[in-house]
Amino acid sequence: MRADWDCDFLFGLARFFHLREFLSNGAFAHALLSEMSCF
């Protein structure tokens, strides 16, 4: 289990970039999600 700040960092990134652009970059988003396991 990861520390909470990892998930906060992930959502901070998603908010910093436009969420649609962030999610549209599938490879980047998938790598981040699989690395941090927030979902």
Protein backbone atom coordinates (compact mmCIF):
# COMPACT_ATOMS: atom_id res chain seq x y z
CA MET A 1 0.00 0.00 0.00
CA ARG A 2 1.29 3.39 -0.98
CA ALA A 3 1.43 6.53 1.13
CA ASP A 4 -1.53 8.90 0.79
CA TRP A 5 0.66 11.66 -0.65
CA ASP A 6 1.21 9.55 -3.77
CA CYS A 7 -2.48 9.72 -4.56
CA ASP A 8 -2.61 13.41 -3.63
CA PHE A 9 0.29 13.98 -6.03
CA LEU A 10 -1.52 12.09 -8.79
CA PHE A 11 -4.69 14.12 -8.39
CA GLY A 12 -2.60 17.29 -8.15
CA LEU A 13 -1.07 16.45 -11.53
CA ALA A 14 -4.47 15.72 -13.03
CA ARG A 15 -5.75 19.05 -11.77
CA PHE A 16 -2.61 20.93 -12.87
CA PHE A 17 -2.99 19.63 -16.40
CA HIS A 18 -6.46 19.75 -17.87
CA LEU A 19 -8.08 16.51 -16.77
CA ARG A 20 -9.17 15.63 -20.30
CA GLU A 21 -5.64 16.07 -21.66
CA PHE A 22 -4.23 14.06 -18.77
CA LEU A 23 -6.59 11.15 -19.33
CA SER A 24 -6.25 11.31 -23.12
CA ASN A 25 -2.55 10.54 -22.73
CA GLY A 26 -3.39 6.91 -22.11
CA ALA A 27 0.14 5.53 -21.80
CA PHE A 28 1.18 8.17 -19.27
CA ALA A 29 -2.03 7.87 -17.26
CA HIS A 30 -1.89 4.06 -17.28
CA ALA A 31 1.73 4.02 -16.14
CA LEU A 32 0.99 6.48 -13.34
CA LEU A 33 -2.12 4.63 -12.18
CA SER A 34 -0.49 1.21 -12.26
CA GLU A 35 2.58 2.59 -10.44
CA MET A 36 0.63 4.35 -7.70
CA SER A 37 -2.32 1.94 -7.48
CA CYS A 38 -4.74 4.63 -6.32
CA PHE A 39 -7.72 3.03 -8.01
